[in-house]
N, C-alpha and C. Protein backbone atom coordinates (compact mmCIF):
# COMPACT_ATOMS: atom_id res chain seq x y z
N MET A 1 80.27 110.76 136.64
CA MET A 1 80.91 109.90 135.85
C MET A 1 79.99 109.17 135.42
N ASP A 2 80.00 108.49 133.87
CA ASP A 2 80.02 107.91 133.24
C ASP A 2 79.91 106.06 133.24
N LEU A 3 79.25 105.62 133.89
CA LEU A 3 79.53 103.82 134.22
C LEU A 3 78.51 103.01 133.16
N SER A 4 78.25 103.61 131.99
CA SER A 4 78.08 102.93 130.93
C SER A 4 79.16 102.42 129.91
N PRO A 5 80.57 102.61 130.15
CA PRO A 5 81.55 101.50 129.58
C PRO A 5 81.64 100.53 130.39
N LEU A 6 81.58 100.82 131.64
CA LEU A 6 82.18 99.24 132.32
C LEU A 6 81.21 98.44 132.09
N LEU A 7 79.96 98.79 131.54
CA LEU A 7 78.62 97.73 131.81
C LEU A 7 79.27 96.52 130.45
N SER A 8 79.67 96.59 129.36
CA SER A 8 80.51 95.60 128.80
C SER A 8 81.43 94.67 129.36
N PRO A 9 82.56 95.29 129.15
CA PRO A 9 83.48 94.45 130.48
C PRO A 9 82.72 93.84 131.23
N VAL A 10 81.51 93.71 132.36
CA VAL A 10 81.35 93.11 133.30
C VAL A 10 80.49 92.17 132.57
N LEU A 11 79.79 92.13 131.96
CA LEU A 11 78.84 90.92 131.39
C LEU A 11 79.18 90.12 130.62
N LEU A 12 80.75 90.78 129.68
CA LEU A 12 81.24 90.08 128.97
C LEU A 12 82.08 89.38 129.80
N THR A 13 82.45 89.37 130.96
CA THR A 13 83.78 88.29 132.03
C THR A 13 82.54 87.51 132.63
N LEU A 14 81.35 87.61 133.45
CA LEU A 14 80.22 87.54 133.45
C LEU A 14 79.77 86.11 133.00
N ALA A 15 79.65 86.26 131.59
CA ALA A 15 79.86 85.14 130.40
C ALA A 15 80.86 84.19 130.28
N LEU A 16 82.03 84.97 130.63
CA LEU A 16 82.88 83.71 130.41
C LEU A 16 83.28 82.82 130.99
N ALA A 17 83.03 83.70 133.00
CA ALA A 17 83.34 83.24 133.46
C ALA A 17 81.89 81.71 134.15
N LEU A 18 81.18 82.07 133.55
CA LEU A 18 80.08 81.06 133.70
C LEU A 18 80.42 80.11 132.53
N CYS A 19 80.82 80.33 131.17
CA CYS A 19 81.05 79.08 130.25
C CYS A 19 82.00 78.12 131.04
N VAL A 20 82.91 78.91 131.37
CA VAL A 20 84.21 78.02 131.40
C VAL A 20 83.67 77.00 132.96
N THR A 21 83.13 77.68 133.75
CA THR A 21 82.78 76.83 134.58
C THR A 21 82.11 75.71 134.83
N LEU A 22 80.86 75.92 133.94
CA LEU A 22 80.34 75.11 133.40
C LEU A 22 81.23 73.67 132.74
N ILE A 23 81.97 74.27 131.53
CA ILE A 23 83.16 73.45 130.94
C ILE A 23 83.26 72.60 131.59
N LEU A 24 84.31 73.59 132.87
CA LEU A 24 84.94 72.27 133.59
C LEU A 24 84.26 71.45 134.73
N ILE A 25 82.99 71.84 135.36
CA ILE A 25 82.60 71.00 136.03
C ILE A 25 82.42 69.32 135.16
N VAL A 26 82.14 69.75 133.63
CA VAL A 26 82.06 68.50 133.41
C VAL A 26 83.20 67.75 132.77
N VAL A 27 84.28 68.45 132.18
CA VAL A 27 85.43 67.63 131.93
C VAL A 27 86.43 66.96 133.24
N ALA A 28 86.55 68.04 134.31
CA ALA A 28 87.42 68.22 135.74
C ALA A 28 86.79 66.78 136.44
N THR A 29 85.24 66.34 136.14
CA THR A 29 84.53 65.51 136.92
C THR A 29 85.31 64.20 136.33
N PRO A 30 85.89 63.77 135.47
CA PRO A 30 86.55 61.80 134.83
C PRO A 30 88.09 62.24 135.49
N VAL A 31 88.30 63.31 134.69
CA VAL A 31 89.60 63.77 135.61
C VAL A 31 90.51 63.48 136.70
N ALA A 32 89.23 64.30 137.82
CA ALA A 32 90.05 64.26 139.45
C ALA A 32 89.21 63.27 139.56
N ARG A 33 88.02 62.07 139.38
CA ARG A 33 87.81 61.11 139.63
C ARG A 33 88.65 59.65 139.32
N TRP A 34 89.03 59.71 138.20
CA TRP A 34 90.40 59.17 137.97
C TRP A 34 91.68 59.11 138.62
N LEU A 35 92.40 60.64 139.30
CA LEU A 35 93.21 60.56 140.23
C LEU A 35 93.15 60.59 141.18
N ALA A 36 91.68 60.24 141.58
CA ALA A 36 90.97 60.28 142.79
C ALA A 36 91.19 58.79 143.54
N GLN A 37 90.53 57.76 142.42
CA GLN A 37 90.16 56.27 142.76
C GLN A 37 91.16 55.70 142.10
N GLY A 38 91.28 56.03 140.66
CA GLY A 38 92.03 55.13 139.75
C GLY A 38 93.48 54.53 139.96
N GLU A 39 93.90 53.62 139.35
CA GLU A 39 95.08 53.05 139.02
C GLU A 39 96.17 53.57 138.17
N GLY A 40 97.83 53.26 138.13
CA GLY A 40 98.36 53.01 137.29
C GLY A 40 99.99 54.24 137.80
N GLN A 41 100.96 53.97 136.65
CA GLN A 41 102.16 54.96 137.34
C GLN A 41 101.44 56.74 136.13
N GLY A 42 100.69 56.28 134.96
CA GLY A 42 100.71 57.95 134.62
C GLY A 42 99.19 59.21 135.40
N ARG A 43 98.98 58.17 137.05
CA ARG A 43 98.58 59.56 137.10
C ARG A 43 99.29 60.50 137.87
N ASN A 44 100.62 60.48 138.72
CA ASN A 44 101.11 61.30 139.14
C ASN A 44 102.09 62.35 137.02
N ALA A 45 101.97 61.70 136.54
CA ALA A 45 102.20 63.08 135.36
C ALA A 45 100.90 63.47 135.06
N VAL A 46 100.22 62.65 134.72
CA VAL A 46 98.70 63.96 134.64
C VAL A 46 98.24 64.71 135.63
N GLY A 47 98.46 64.26 136.89
CA GLY A 47 97.95 65.01 137.96
C GLY A 47 99.55 66.54 137.61
N ALA A 48 100.21 66.33 137.71
CA ALA A 48 101.10 67.68 136.92
C ALA A 48 101.08 68.14 136.20
N LEU A 49 100.36 67.32 134.99
CA LEU A 49 99.96 68.10 133.84
C LEU A 49 98.79 69.06 133.89
N VAL A 50 97.99 68.63 134.91
CA VAL A 50 96.49 69.18 135.33
C VAL A 50 96.82 70.73 136.10
N THR A 51 98.45 69.87 136.86
CA THR A 51 98.56 71.41 138.05
C THR A 51 99.38 72.34 137.10
N LEU A 52 100.09 72.52 136.40
CA LEU A 52 101.11 73.03 135.62
C LEU A 52 100.64 74.20 135.44
N PRO A 53 99.53 74.47 134.61
CA PRO A 53 98.82 76.36 135.11
C PRO A 53 99.43 77.27 136.19
N LEU A 54 99.33 76.28 137.33
CA LEU A 54 98.89 77.26 138.70
C LEU A 54 100.49 77.85 138.50
N VAL A 55 102.22 77.05 137.99
CA VAL A 55 103.44 77.57 138.00
C VAL A 55 103.78 77.75 136.76
N LEU A 56 103.36 78.10 136.33
CA LEU A 56 103.73 78.40 134.64
C LEU A 56 103.19 80.14 134.85
N PRO A 57 104.26 81.03 134.65
CA PRO A 57 103.87 82.40 133.96
C PRO A 57 102.51 82.23 133.14
N PRO A 58 101.58 83.22 133.38
CA PRO A 58 100.61 82.99 132.54
C PRO A 58 100.82 83.77 131.07
N THR A 59 101.55 84.78 130.82
CA THR A 59 102.34 84.71 129.68
C THR A 59 102.49 83.47 128.64
N VAL A 60 103.39 82.61 129.26
CA VAL A 60 103.73 81.26 129.08
C VAL A 60 103.04 80.95 128.07
N LEU A 61 101.97 80.33 129.41
CA LEU A 61 100.65 79.76 128.83
C LEU A 61 99.86 80.07 127.65
N GLY A 62 100.11 81.58 127.90
CA GLY A 62 99.22 82.49 126.95
C GLY A 62 100.06 82.60 125.58
N PHE A 63 101.35 82.35 125.74
CA PHE A 63 102.11 82.62 124.50
C PHE A 63 101.78 80.64 123.32
N TYR A 64 101.91 79.92 124.52
CA TYR A 64 101.79 78.20 123.28
C TYR A 64 99.86 78.30 123.47
N LEU A 65 99.07 78.93 124.07
CA LEU A 65 97.80 79.19 124.00
C LEU A 65 96.93 80.38 122.30
N LEU A 66 98.11 80.89 122.79
CA LEU A 66 98.20 81.41 121.22
C LEU A 66 98.93 81.08 119.83
N LEU A 67 99.48 79.72 120.28
CA LEU A 67 100.14 79.41 118.73
C LEU A 67 99.15 78.11 118.18
N ALA A 68 98.47 77.55 119.38
CA ALA A 68 97.64 76.51 119.11
C ALA A 68 96.54 76.92 119.01
N LEU A 69 95.99 78.19 119.10
CA LEU A 69 94.74 78.99 118.54
C LEU A 69 94.79 79.92 117.51
N GLY A 70 95.82 80.12 117.19
CA GLY A 70 95.76 80.98 115.81
C GLY A 70 96.33 79.72 114.56
N PRO A 71 96.19 81.12 113.24
CA PRO A 71 95.75 80.31 112.17
C PRO A 71 96.59 78.78 111.97
N ASN A 72 97.90 79.16 112.19
CA ASN A 72 98.44 77.96 111.94
C ASN A 72 98.73 76.84 113.16
N GLY A 73 97.44 76.59 113.86
CA GLY A 73 97.39 75.25 114.78
C GLY A 73 96.15 74.87 114.71
N PRO A 74 96.33 74.21 115.76
CA PRO A 74 95.11 73.05 115.99
C PRO A 74 93.40 74.11 115.62
N GLY A 75 93.45 75.49 116.14
CA GLY A 75 92.65 76.69 116.14
C GLY A 75 92.26 77.16 114.78
N GLY A 76 92.87 77.55 114.11
CA GLY A 76 92.81 77.90 113.18
C GLY A 76 92.04 76.77 112.33
N TRP A 77 92.14 75.12 112.02
CA TRP A 77 91.94 74.40 111.29
C TRP A 77 90.25 74.45 111.81
N ILE A 78 90.00 74.54 113.42
CA ILE A 78 88.53 74.44 113.34
C ILE A 78 87.58 75.79 113.56
N ALA A 79 88.22 76.67 113.54
CA ALA A 79 87.82 78.31 113.38
C ALA A 79 87.09 78.05 111.50
N GLY A 80 88.00 76.83 110.66
CA GLY A 80 87.84 77.01 109.23
C GLY A 80 86.47 76.16 108.78
N LEU A 81 86.14 76.12 109.73
CA LEU A 81 84.86 74.62 109.67
C LEU A 81 83.55 76.21 109.80
N TRP A 82 83.58 77.19 110.37
CA TRP A 82 82.54 77.84 109.61
C TRP A 82 83.07 79.58 109.24
N GLY A 83 84.30 79.37 108.34
CA GLY A 83 84.88 80.56 107.80
C GLY A 83 85.88 81.28 108.37
N ALA A 84 86.26 80.95 109.42
CA ALA A 84 86.98 82.18 110.33
C ALA A 84 88.57 81.18 110.08
N ARG A 85 89.44 82.52 110.17
CA ARG A 85 90.98 81.78 110.28
C ARG A 85 91.40 81.78 111.67
N THR A 86 91.12 82.54 113.01
CA THR A 86 91.40 81.57 114.11
C THR A 86 90.80 81.88 115.39
N LEU A 87 90.92 81.44 116.17
CA LEU A 87 89.89 81.20 117.44
C LEU A 87 91.04 81.93 118.33
N ALA A 88 91.93 82.94 118.22
CA ALA A 88 92.74 83.71 118.92
C ALA A 88 91.83 85.00 118.72
N PHE A 89 91.65 85.75 120.08
CA PHE A 89 90.85 86.86 119.60
C PHE A 89 90.01 86.95 119.47
N SER A 90 88.94 86.05 120.02
CA SER A 90 87.88 85.59 120.04
C SER A 90 87.16 85.24 121.25
N PHE A 91 85.73 85.34 121.71
CA PHE A 91 85.41 84.47 123.15
C PHE A 91 85.31 83.56 122.88
N PRO A 92 85.25 82.33 122.18
CA PRO A 92 85.41 80.89 121.85
C PRO A 92 86.87 81.00 122.63
N GLY A 93 87.90 81.30 121.72
CA GLY A 93 89.06 81.26 122.27
C GLY A 93 89.59 81.51 123.78
N LEU A 94 88.54 82.73 124.02
CA LEU A 94 88.70 82.83 125.40
C LEU A 94 88.25 81.96 126.70
N VAL A 95 87.21 81.22 125.67
CA VAL A 95 86.74 80.17 126.88
C VAL A 95 87.49 79.29 126.64
N ILE A 96 88.29 78.42 125.90
CA ILE A 96 89.35 77.43 126.08
C ILE A 96 90.65 77.88 126.77
N GLY A 97 90.90 79.11 126.37
CA GLY A 97 92.34 79.47 127.44
C GLY A 97 91.98 79.31 129.07
N GLY A 98 90.50 80.04 128.93
CA GLY A 98 90.07 80.28 130.76
C GLY A 98 90.13 78.51 130.89
N VAL A 99 89.24 77.40 130.27
CA VAL A 99 89.07 76.60 130.91
C VAL A 99 90.85 75.92 130.86
N ILE A 100 91.54 76.09 130.32
CA ILE A 100 92.85 75.23 130.87
C ILE A 100 93.64 75.96 131.87
N ALA A 101 93.86 77.30 131.87
CA ALA A 101 94.03 78.24 132.92
C ALA A 101 93.64 77.61 134.17
N SER A 102 92.09 77.62 134.10
CA SER A 102 90.97 77.60 135.14
C SER A 102 91.20 75.79 135.71
N LEU A 103 91.91 74.78 135.07
CA LEU A 103 91.52 73.46 135.64
C LEU A 103 92.03 73.22 136.82
N PRO A 104 92.74 73.47 136.97
CA PRO A 104 93.49 73.04 138.80
C PRO A 104 92.61 73.64 139.66
N PHE A 105 92.34 74.85 139.50
CA PHE A 105 90.88 75.35 140.36
C PHE A 105 89.97 74.50 140.62
N MET A 106 89.38 73.30 139.38
CA MET A 106 88.55 72.51 139.53
C MET A 106 88.49 71.37 139.69
N VAL A 107 90.00 71.12 139.21
CA VAL A 107 90.24 69.49 139.17
C VAL A 107 90.57 69.18 140.93
N GLN A 108 91.30 70.05 141.69
CA GLN A 108 91.84 69.78 142.49
C GLN A 108 90.95 69.68 144.19
N PRO A 109 89.90 70.39 144.06
CA PRO A 109 88.84 70.54 144.95
C PRO A 109 88.26 69.20 145.12
N LEU A 110 87.65 68.49 143.65
CA LEU A 110 87.35 67.59 143.35
C LEU A 110 88.41 66.03 143.84
N ARG A 111 89.29 66.05 142.82
CA ARG A 111 90.17 65.24 143.41
C ARG A 111 90.15 64.66 145.44
N ASN A 112 90.20 66.06 146.00
CA ASN A 112 89.87 65.90 147.44
C ASN A 112 88.88 65.25 147.65
N ALA A 113 87.61 65.94 146.97
CA ALA A 113 86.06 65.20 147.50
C ALA A 113 86.56 63.84 147.04
N PHE A 114 86.72 63.36 146.16
CA PHE A 114 86.78 62.08 145.79
C PHE A 114 87.77 61.24 146.62
N ALA A 115 88.41 61.72 146.44
CA ALA A 115 89.60 60.49 147.50
C ALA A 115 89.35 60.58 148.99
N ALA A 116 88.37 61.61 149.59
CA ALA A 116 87.68 61.14 151.20
C ALA A 116 86.43 60.41 151.54
N ILE A 117 86.35 59.82 149.68
CA ILE A 117 85.12 59.16 150.14
C ILE A 117 85.32 57.70 150.91
N GLU A 118 84.92 57.06 151.90
CA GLU A 118 85.01 55.69 152.56
C GLU A 118 85.40 54.99 151.66
N THR A 119 86.28 54.00 151.48
CA THR A 119 86.49 52.51 150.17
C THR A 119 84.94 52.12 150.47
N GLU A 120 84.75 51.59 152.23
CA GLU A 120 84.05 50.88 152.72
C GLU A 120 82.88 51.06 151.71
N VAL A 121 82.30 52.56 151.86
CA VAL A 121 81.02 53.31 151.22
C VAL A 121 80.76 52.43 149.93
N LEU A 122 82.25 52.22 148.79
CA LEU A 122 81.93 52.02 147.20
C LEU A 122 81.74 50.61 147.55
N GLU A 123 82.61 50.05 148.48
CA GLU A 123 82.46 48.34 148.17
C GLU A 123 81.05 47.91 148.52
N VAL A 124 80.63 48.62 150.11
CA VAL A 124 79.19 47.86 149.74
C VAL A 124 78.31 48.45 148.90
N ALA A 125 78.68 49.44 148.39
CA ALA A 125 78.07 49.50 146.73
C ALA A 125 77.60 48.61 145.89
N ASP A 126 78.97 47.97 145.80
CA ASP A 126 79.55 47.40 145.15
C ASP A 126 78.69 45.68 145.34
N THR A 127 78.72 45.73 146.73
CA THR A 127 78.51 44.44 147.10
C THR A 127 77.03 44.22 146.52
N LEU A 128 76.02 45.20 146.66
CA LEU A 128 75.03 44.73 146.75
C LEU A 128 74.60 44.81 145.53
N GLY A 129 75.47 45.20 144.51
CA GLY A 129 75.36 45.22 143.13
C GLY A 129 75.10 46.46 142.17
N ALA A 130 75.15 47.29 143.04
CA ALA A 130 75.55 48.78 142.25
C ALA A 130 76.19 48.61 141.47
N SER A 131 76.14 49.33 139.72
CA SER A 131 76.62 49.45 138.67
C SER A 131 78.02 50.75 138.84
N ARG A 132 78.87 51.18 138.63
CA ARG A 132 79.72 52.22 138.18
C ARG A 132 78.93 53.37 138.31
N THR A 133 78.05 53.34 137.37
CA THR A 133 77.30 54.42 136.24
C THR A 133 76.09 54.99 137.90
N LEU A 134 75.85 54.08 138.14
CA LEU A 134 74.76 54.15 139.79
C LEU A 134 75.73 54.42 141.10
N ARG A 135 76.28 54.04 141.09
CA ARG A 135 77.36 54.02 142.60
C ARG A 135 77.84 55.68 142.45
N PHE A 136 78.19 56.25 141.36
CA PHE A 136 78.70 57.18 141.32
C PHE A 136 77.38 58.49 141.03
N TRP A 137 76.15 58.26 140.17
CA TRP A 137 75.33 59.30 140.96
C TRP A 137 75.10 59.44 142.01
N ARG A 138 74.43 58.23 142.96
CA ARG A 138 73.70 58.13 144.20
C ARG A 138 74.81 58.15 145.49
N ILE A 139 75.69 57.94 145.43
CA ILE A 139 76.95 58.00 146.42
C ILE A 139 77.80 58.78 146.05
N GLU A 140 78.89 58.83 144.92
CA GLU A 140 80.16 59.97 145.04
C GLU A 140 79.51 61.18 144.63
N LEU A 141 78.80 61.80 143.83
CA LEU A 141 78.29 62.48 143.25
C LEU A 141 77.85 63.43 144.84
N PRO A 142 77.04 62.80 145.42
CA PRO A 142 76.39 63.52 146.52
C PRO A 142 77.47 63.79 147.20
N LEU A 143 78.10 62.62 147.69
CA LEU A 143 79.65 62.82 149.01
C LEU A 143 80.27 64.38 148.43
N ALA A 144 80.64 63.98 146.72
CA ALA A 144 81.45 65.21 146.83
C ALA A 144 80.79 66.18 146.16
N ARG A 145 79.86 66.21 146.89
CA ARG A 145 79.80 67.79 146.56
C ARG A 145 79.76 69.26 147.31
N PRO A 146 80.29 69.28 148.40
CA PRO A 146 81.09 70.62 148.84
C PRO A 146 82.65 70.74 147.66
N GLY A 147 82.90 69.53 147.26
CA GLY A 147 84.25 69.71 146.48
C GLY A 147 84.06 70.49 145.05
N TYR A 148 82.27 70.24 144.73
CA TYR A 148 81.74 70.89 143.31
C TYR A 148 81.17 72.28 143.80
N LEU A 149 81.11 72.46 145.21
CA LEU A 149 81.09 73.86 145.27
C LEU A 149 82.15 74.70 145.60
N VAL A 150 82.94 74.19 146.01
CA VAL A 150 84.50 74.79 146.45
C VAL A 150 85.40 75.01 144.71
N GLY A 151 85.48 74.30 144.13
CA GLY A 151 85.88 74.13 142.63
C GLY A 151 85.36 74.99 142.08
N ALA A 152 83.34 75.33 141.45
CA ALA A 152 82.70 75.86 140.83
C ALA A 152 83.27 77.72 141.57
N VAL A 153 83.29 77.63 142.58
CA VAL A 153 83.36 79.22 143.42
C VAL A 153 84.76 79.69 142.62
N MET A 154 86.02 78.56 143.12
CA MET A 154 87.27 79.21 142.34
C MET A 154 87.82 78.80 141.22
N SER A 155 87.41 78.38 140.51
CA SER A 155 87.07 78.56 139.07
C SER A 155 86.34 80.11 138.16
N PHE A 156 85.19 79.89 139.32
CA PHE A 156 84.60 80.97 138.01
C PHE A 156 85.30 82.47 138.65
N ALA A 157 85.93 82.40 140.22
CA ALA A 157 86.15 83.77 140.79
C ALA A 157 88.15 84.04 139.93
N HIS A 158 88.68 83.05 139.48
CA HIS A 158 90.26 82.80 139.04
C HIS A 158 89.51 83.18 137.66
N THR A 159 88.84 82.79 136.98
CA THR A 159 88.73 83.80 135.31
C THR A 159 87.78 84.82 134.93
N MET A 160 87.20 85.09 136.62
CA MET A 160 86.72 86.71 136.54
C MET A 160 88.58 87.57 136.71
N GLY A 161 88.95 87.06 137.04
CA GLY A 161 90.49 88.01 137.22
C GLY A 161 91.45 87.52 136.57
N GLU A 162 91.65 86.93 135.96
CA GLU A 162 92.51 86.44 134.74
C GLU A 162 92.95 87.22 133.76
N PHE A 163 94.46 87.52 133.52
CA PHE A 163 94.92 88.68 132.78
C PHE A 163 95.79 88.49 131.74
N GLY A 164 96.93 87.47 132.05
CA GLY A 164 97.61 87.68 131.54
C GLY A 164 97.66 86.62 130.15
N VAL A 165 96.69 85.73 130.78
CA VAL A 165 96.26 84.77 129.21
C VAL A 165 95.27 85.03 128.52
N VAL A 166 94.18 85.92 129.11
CA VAL A 166 93.28 86.94 128.42
C VAL A 166 94.54 87.49 127.44
N LEU A 167 94.79 88.32 128.21
CA LEU A 167 95.43 89.14 127.23
C LEU A 167 96.07 88.75 126.42
N MET A 168 97.00 87.33 126.16
CA MET A 168 97.69 87.42 125.29
C MET A 168 96.72 86.55 123.98
N ILE A 169 95.93 86.16 124.42
CA ILE A 169 95.11 85.12 123.45
C ILE A 169 94.08 86.12 122.42
N GLY A 170 93.52 87.10 123.63
CA GLY A 170 92.29 87.92 123.20
C GLY A 170 92.34 89.58 123.16
N GLY A 171 93.65 89.71 123.41
CA GLY A 171 93.65 91.42 123.62
C GLY A 171 93.06 92.02 123.70
N ASN A 172 92.03 93.18 123.56
CA ASN A 172 91.69 94.49 123.84
C ASN A 172 90.82 95.00 123.03
N ILE A 173 89.63 93.76 122.33
CA ILE A 173 88.64 94.06 122.05
C ILE A 173 87.32 94.59 121.93
N PRO A 174 86.98 95.31 122.00
CA PRO A 174 85.59 95.50 123.15
C PRO A 174 84.56 94.88 122.55
N GLY A 175 84.03 94.31 123.36
CA GLY A 175 82.39 93.65 123.30
C GLY A 175 82.79 92.11 122.77
N GLN A 176 84.11 91.58 122.44
CA GLN A 176 84.68 90.64 122.08
C GLN A 176 85.82 90.00 123.01
N THR A 177 86.61 90.85 123.82
CA THR A 177 87.67 89.98 124.01
C THR A 177 87.77 91.05 125.68
N LYS A 178 87.51 92.31 125.61
CA LYS A 178 87.45 93.36 126.61
C LYS A 178 87.45 92.51 128.06
N VAL A 179 87.77 92.12 129.01
CA VAL A 179 87.23 91.61 130.51
C VAL A 179 87.77 92.40 131.24
N LEU A 180 87.77 92.60 132.38
CA LEU A 180 87.46 93.04 133.55
C LEU A 180 88.77 93.57 133.75
N SER A 181 89.28 92.57 133.60
CA SER A 181 91.14 92.92 134.24
C SER A 181 91.64 93.93 132.97
N ILE A 182 91.27 93.13 131.86
CA ILE A 182 91.84 94.09 130.67
C ILE A 182 91.36 96.00 130.89
N ALA A 183 90.00 95.80 131.37
CA ALA A 183 89.46 96.55 131.04
C ALA A 183 90.16 98.01 132.15
N ILE A 184 90.71 97.40 133.10
CA ILE A 184 91.34 98.31 134.48
C ILE A 184 92.66 98.55 134.51
N TYR A 185 93.43 97.61 133.17
CA TYR A 185 94.98 97.76 132.96
C TYR A 185 94.33 99.26 131.92
N ASP A 186 93.35 98.81 131.02
CA ASP A 186 93.15 99.67 129.65
C ASP A 186 92.80 101.12 130.18
N PHE A 187 91.73 101.22 131.77
CA PHE A 187 91.46 102.88 132.45
C PHE A 187 92.81 103.56 133.31
N VAL A 188 93.61 102.32 133.65
CA VAL A 188 95.10 102.75 134.07
C VAL A 188 95.71 103.47 132.69
N GLU A 189 95.58 103.09 131.53
CA GLU A 189 96.42 103.33 130.96
C GLU A 189 96.25 104.83 130.58
N ARG A 190 95.03 105.12 130.24
CA ARG A 190 94.08 106.59 129.93
C ARG A 190 94.35 107.15 131.13
N LEU A 191 94.74 106.75 131.87
CA LEU A 191 94.46 107.79 133.65
C LEU A 191 93.04 108.12 133.74
N GLU A 192 92.35 107.13 134.07
CA GLU A 192 90.52 106.89 133.58
C GLU A 192 90.83 106.16 135.45
N TRP A 193 91.29 107.04 136.64
CA TRP A 193 91.48 106.39 137.58
C TRP A 193 89.66 106.30 138.07
N GLU A 194 89.11 106.94 138.00
CA GLU A 194 87.66 106.86 138.78
C GLU A 194 86.94 105.39 137.95
N ARG A 195 87.06 105.52 136.85
CA ARG A 195 86.14 103.92 136.35
C ARG A 195 87.32 102.78 137.04
N ALA A 196 89.27 102.99 137.31
CA ALA A 196 89.30 101.84 137.54
C ALA A 196 89.09 101.58 138.73
N HIS A 197 88.85 102.74 139.35
CA HIS A 197 88.65 102.31 141.12
C HIS A 197 87.28 101.38 141.50
N VAL A 198 86.38 102.05 140.47
CA VAL A 198 85.27 101.21 140.34
C VAL A 198 84.97 99.98 140.41
N LEU A 199 86.45 99.16 139.28
CA LEU A 199 86.04 97.72 138.99
C LEU A 199 86.82 96.65 140.14
N ALA A 200 88.56 97.79 140.38
CA ALA A 200 88.90 97.11 140.69
C ALA A 200 88.61 96.94 142.48
N GLY A 201 87.36 98.01 142.85
CA GLY A 201 86.99 98.25 144.25
C GLY A 201 86.01 96.92 144.40
N ALA A 202 85.36 96.50 142.95
CA ALA A 202 84.40 95.76 143.04
C ALA A 202 85.24 94.46 143.25
N MET A 203 86.33 94.14 141.95
CA MET A 203 86.81 93.04 142.25
C MET A 203 87.45 92.54 143.49
N VAL A 204 88.12 93.48 144.66
CA VAL A 204 88.68 93.38 145.63
C VAL A 204 87.46 93.09 146.83
N VAL A 205 85.89 93.23 146.63
CA VAL A 205 85.12 93.17 147.76
C VAL A 205 84.43 91.89 146.76
N PHE A 206 84.91 91.20 145.39
CA PHE A 206 84.08 90.03 144.97
C PHE A 206 85.00 88.63 145.61
N GLY A 207 86.48 89.18 145.60
CA GLY A 207 87.60 88.14 145.75
C GLY A 207 87.37 87.79 147.36
N PHE A 208 86.66 88.91 148.01
CA PHE A 208 87.03 88.38 149.51
C PHE A 208 85.18 88.03 150.09
N CYS A 209 84.44 87.73 149.21
CA CYS A 209 83.16 87.25 149.26
C CYS A 209 83.50 85.32 148.84
N VAL A 210 84.50 85.52 148.20
CA VAL A 210 84.95 84.48 147.19
C VAL A 210 85.78 83.38 148.42
N VAL A 211 86.85 84.12 149.75
CA VAL A 211 87.40 83.76 149.95
C VAL A 211 86.46 83.51 151.24
N PHE A 212 85.62 84.49 151.53
CA PHE A 212 84.89 83.60 153.25
C PHE A 212 84.28 82.97 152.44
N ALA A 213 83.37 82.44 151.33
CA ALA A 213 82.41 81.43 151.25
C ALA A 213 83.07 79.90 151.05
N THR A 214 84.63 80.00 150.62
CA THR A 214 85.12 78.84 150.35
C THR A 214 85.86 78.61 151.76
N LEU A 215 86.12 79.25 152.22
CA LEU A 215 86.21 79.21 154.46
C LEU A 215 85.12 78.52 154.77
N VAL A 216 83.77 78.93 154.40
CA VAL A 216 82.42 78.18 155.19
C VAL A 216 82.10 77.36 154.74
N VAL A 217 82.14 76.43 153.24
CA VAL A 217 82.08 75.67 152.82
C VAL A 217 83.08 74.27 153.61
N GLY A 218 84.34 75.09 153.35
CA GLY A 218 85.32 73.68 154.08
C GLY A 218 85.00 73.33 155.46
N ARG A 219 84.49 74.84 155.82
CA ARG A 219 84.44 74.43 157.93
C ARG A 219 83.13 73.57 157.79
N GLY A 220 82.18 73.85 156.61
CA GLY A 220 81.22 72.69 157.23
C GLY A 220 81.03 71.80 156.77
N ARG A 221 82.10 71.62 156.01
CA ARG A 221 82.48 70.11 155.19
C ARG A 221 82.98 69.26 156.17
N ARG A 222 84.01 69.72 157.08
CA ARG A 222 84.68 69.33 158.73
C ARG A 222 83.86 69.22 159.30
N SER A 223 82.83 69.85 159.59
CA SER A 223 82.12 69.67 161.09
C SER A 223 80.96 68.47 160.76
């Protein structure tokens, strides 16, 4: 069996998952920190909005992302800056969709990690004259490290396996939007069972490793 057609979806999916995870680490940090330590009635609304991708059908989320990234949405205006018509059916569009779809998987572990930091520790830092920036880098960030690890692993894994959103906003363009989940679906449609088995089996092994790693990190955090 020729495995060369499998290489492009694998590399594209890894690149997508890596980009999404790195962006989420930056984007989710202030959101999770505010949800864990901030004040105000708006936290519940923001928390519900961040969690919404978990309960929405992927096709619904993908549909509205398709409208937003299309030529008549904000994505069309942004794409026009470099002469394109749309962000849909492109790798940048997949990254945007992946960030939104995987946001809860990064925010929730970080929110729990920041919420678990004892207030006495933060109060001592304030008493010693530490600025909020210094307190974050020297105290909060090291203590929240397990949350970052779990969030990164879960976000990476979720992006690797995302199907509905990717299909809606990316389609099936080889080398551009044909990621692993789409490739498996495509191989099954064409009755290429061996190639589908290779990719699906690899995803099963990957999923087991992700769950196992998450459990190990969680156990180490409690000990």
